[in-house]
Amino acid sequence: MKYGKPCARCLSKEAGGEELAELIAARIAGMPPDIRADEALYQKRLAACLACEDLIGGMCAKCGCYVELRAARRHGYCPAARRMW
């Protein structure tokens, strides 16, 4: 894991290194298909998170979640936008 100032507007691979990114990817891969968002929706959500000022080190500053996990769920809520995705 990297130490020092947390990176802004990055995802788990950049923020926490390969181990964290692998854990998150495994969790997403283990999600049942009926609750997992399709790849296009997932990528659209990640793009929104990367542009958001509340993204810090792969986590949402509004709720503390790992944005990759939140974006992977079919039915999700964006705390920064205060709306369903």
C-alpha atoms as a PDB file:
ATOM      1  CA  MET A   1       0.000   0.000   0.000  1.00  0.00           C
ATOM      2  CA  LYS A   2       1.187   3.493  -0.800  1.00  0.00           C
ATOM      3  CA  TYR A   3       1.642   5.984   2.000  1.00  0.00           C
ATOM      4  CA  GLY A   4       1.519   9.739   2.044  1.00  0.00           C
ATOM      5  CA  LYS A   5      -1.100  12.049   0.637  1.00  0.00           C
ATOM      6  CA  PRO A   6      -4.093  10.123  -0.762  1.00  0.00           C
ATOM      7  CA  CYS A   7      -4.521  10.522  -4.480  1.00  0.00           C
ATOM      8  CA  ALA A   8      -7.539  12.402  -5.710  1.00  0.00           C
ATOM      9  CA  ARG A   9      -9.796  11.079  -8.435  1.00  0.00           C
ATOM     10  CA  CYS A  10      -8.259   7.672  -8.855  1.00  0.00           C
ATOM     11  CA  LEU A  11      -9.542   4.126  -8.541  1.00  0.00           C
ATOM     12  CA  SER A  12      -8.356   1.308  -6.295  1.00  0.00           C
ATOM     13  CA  LYS A  13      -5.392   0.232  -8.444  1.00  0.00           C
ATOM     14  CA  GLU A  14      -3.798   3.654  -8.235  1.00  0.00           C
ATOM     15  CA  ALA A  15      -4.870   4.368  -4.651  1.00  0.00           C
ATOM     16  CA  GLY A  16      -4.222   1.117  -2.854  1.00  0.00           C
ATOM     17  CA  GLY A  17      -2.116  -0.943  -5.188  1.00  0.00           C
ATOM     18  CA  GLU A  18      -2.616  -4.249  -6.933  1.00  0.00           C
ATOM     19  CA  GLU A  19      -3.771  -6.194  -3.861  1.00  0.00           C
ATOM     20  CA  LEU A  20      -6.714  -3.892  -3.163  1.00  0.00           C
ATOM     21  CA  ALA A  21      -7.642  -3.784  -6.856  1.00  0.00           C
ATOM     22  CA  GLU A  22      -7.603  -7.598  -6.991  1.00  0.00           C
ATOM     23  CA  LEU A  23      -9.810  -7.889  -3.903  1.00  0.00           C
ATOM     24  CA  ILE A  24     -12.337  -5.460  -5.349  1.00  0.00           C
ATOM     25  CA  ALA A  25     -12.287  -7.203  -8.749  1.00  0.00           C
ATOM     26  CA  ALA A  26     -12.865 -10.571  -7.050  1.00  0.00           C
ATOM     27  CA  ARG A  27     -15.791  -9.160  -5.078  1.00  0.00           C
ATOM     28  CA  ILE A  28     -17.338  -7.776  -8.258  1.00  0.00           C
ATOM     29  CA  ALA A  29     -16.783 -11.050 -10.123  1.00  0.00           C
ATOM     30  CA  GLY A  30     -18.515 -12.884  -7.271  1.00  0.00           C
ATOM     31  CA  MET A  31     -21.652 -10.755  -7.485  1.00  0.00           C
ATOM     32  CA  PRO A  32     -24.664 -12.681  -8.762  1.00  0.00           C
ATOM     33  CA  PRO A  33     -25.471 -11.636 -12.339  1.00  0.00           C
ATOM     34  CA  ASP A  34     -28.937 -10.466 -11.343  1.00  0.00           C
ATOM     35  CA  ILE A  35     -27.505  -7.716  -9.100  1.00  0.00           C
ATOM     36  CA  ARG A  36     -24.450  -6.782 -11.181  1.00  0.00           C
ATOM     37  CA  ALA A  37     -24.606  -3.884 -13.651  1.00  0.00           C
ATOM     38  CA  ASP A  38     -23.647  -4.593 -17.239  1.00  0.00           C
ATOM     39  CA  GLU A  39     -20.184  -3.491 -18.370  1.00  0.00           C
ATOM     40  CA  ALA A  40     -21.370  -0.391 -20.273  1.00  0.00           C
ATOM     41  CA  LEU A  41     -23.287   0.934 -17.263  1.00  0.00           C
ATOM     42  CA  TYR A  42     -20.381   0.095 -14.947  1.00  0.00           C
ATOM     43  CA  GLN A  43     -17.927   2.048 -17.123  1.00  0.00           C
ATOM     44  CA  LYS A  44     -20.328   5.004 -17.405  1.00  0.00           C
ATOM     45  CA  ARG A  45     -20.614   5.148 -13.621  1.00  0.00           C
ATOM     46  CA  LEU A  46     -16.850   4.916 -13.115  1.00  0.00           C
ATOM     47  CA  ALA A  47     -16.380   7.791 -15.568  1.00  0.00           C
ATOM     48  CA  ALA A  48     -18.804   9.867 -13.492  1.00  0.00           C
ATOM     49  CA  CYS A  49     -16.937   8.969 -10.303  1.00  0.00           C
ATOM     50  CA  LEU A  50     -13.575   9.861 -11.845  1.00  0.00           C
ATOM     51  CA  ALA A  51     -14.933  13.309 -12.690  1.00  0.00           C
ATOM     52  CA  CYS A  52     -16.428  13.833  -9.226  1.00  0.00           C
ATOM     53  CA  GLU A  53     -14.704  16.057  -6.675  1.00  0.00           C
ATOM     54  CA  ASP A  54     -15.820  13.663  -3.919  1.00  0.00           C
ATOM     55  CA  LEU A  55     -13.612  10.827  -5.206  1.00  0.00           C
ATOM     56  CA  ILE A  56     -10.509  10.457  -3.069  1.00  0.00           C
ATOM     57  CA  GLY A  57      -8.216   7.474  -3.329  1.00  0.00           C
ATOM     58  CA  GLY A  58     -10.800   5.180  -4.886  1.00  0.00           C
ATOM     59  CA  MET A  59     -13.379   5.987  -2.225  1.00  0.00           C
ATOM     60  CA  CYS A  60     -16.420   8.247  -2.154  1.00  0.00           C
ATOM     61  CA  ALA A  61     -15.934  11.043   0.364  1.00  0.00           C
ATOM     62  CA  LYS A  62     -19.719  11.268   0.806  1.00  0.00           C
ATOM     63  CA  CYS A  63     -20.302   7.709   1.999  1.00  0.00           C
ATOM     64  CA  GLY A  64     -16.917   5.989   2.325  1.00  0.00           C
ATOM     65  CA  CYS A  65     -17.584   3.219  -0.193  1.00  0.00           C
ATOM     66  CA  TYR A  66     -15.176   1.937  -2.811  1.00  0.00           C
ATOM     67  CA  VAL A  67     -16.725   3.456  -5.928  1.00  0.00           C
ATOM     68  CA  GLU A  68     -15.912   0.419  -8.073  1.00  0.00           C
ATOM     69  CA  LEU A  69     -18.078  -1.769  -5.841  1.00  0.00           C
ATOM     70  CA  ARG A  70     -20.925   0.726  -5.737  1.00  0.00           C
ATOM     71  CA  ALA A  71     -20.806   1.204  -9.524  1.00  0.00           C
ATOM     72  CA  ALA A  72     -20.923  -2.561 -10.079  1.00  0.00           C
ATOM     73  CA  ARG A  73     -24.342  -2.994  -8.455  1.00  0.00           C
ATOM     74  CA  ARG A  74     -27.259  -2.820 -10.874  1.00  0.00           C
ATOM     75  CA  HIS A  75     -29.377  -0.741  -8.537  1.00  0.00           C
ATOM     76  CA  GLY A  76     -27.237   1.872  -6.907  1.00  0.00           C
ATOM     77  CA  TYR A  77     -27.380   5.279  -5.369  1.00  0.00           C
ATOM     78  CA  CYS A  78     -24.908   8.083  -5.934  1.00  0.00           C
ATOM     79  CA  PRO A  79     -24.574   9.996  -2.653  1.00  0.00           C
ATOM     80  CA  ALA A  80     -22.853  12.938  -4.337  1.00  0.00           C
ATOM     81  CA  ALA A  81     -25.681  13.404  -6.855  1.00  0.00           C
ATOM     82  CA  ARG A  82     -28.316  12.328  -4.300  1.00  0.00           C
ATOM     83  CA  ARG A  83     -30.080  10.164  -6.854  1.00  0.00           C
ATOM     84  CA  MET A  84     -30.394   6.620  -8.114  1.00  0.00           C
ATOM     85  CA  TRP A  85     -27.967   5.709 -10.870  1.00  0.00           C
END
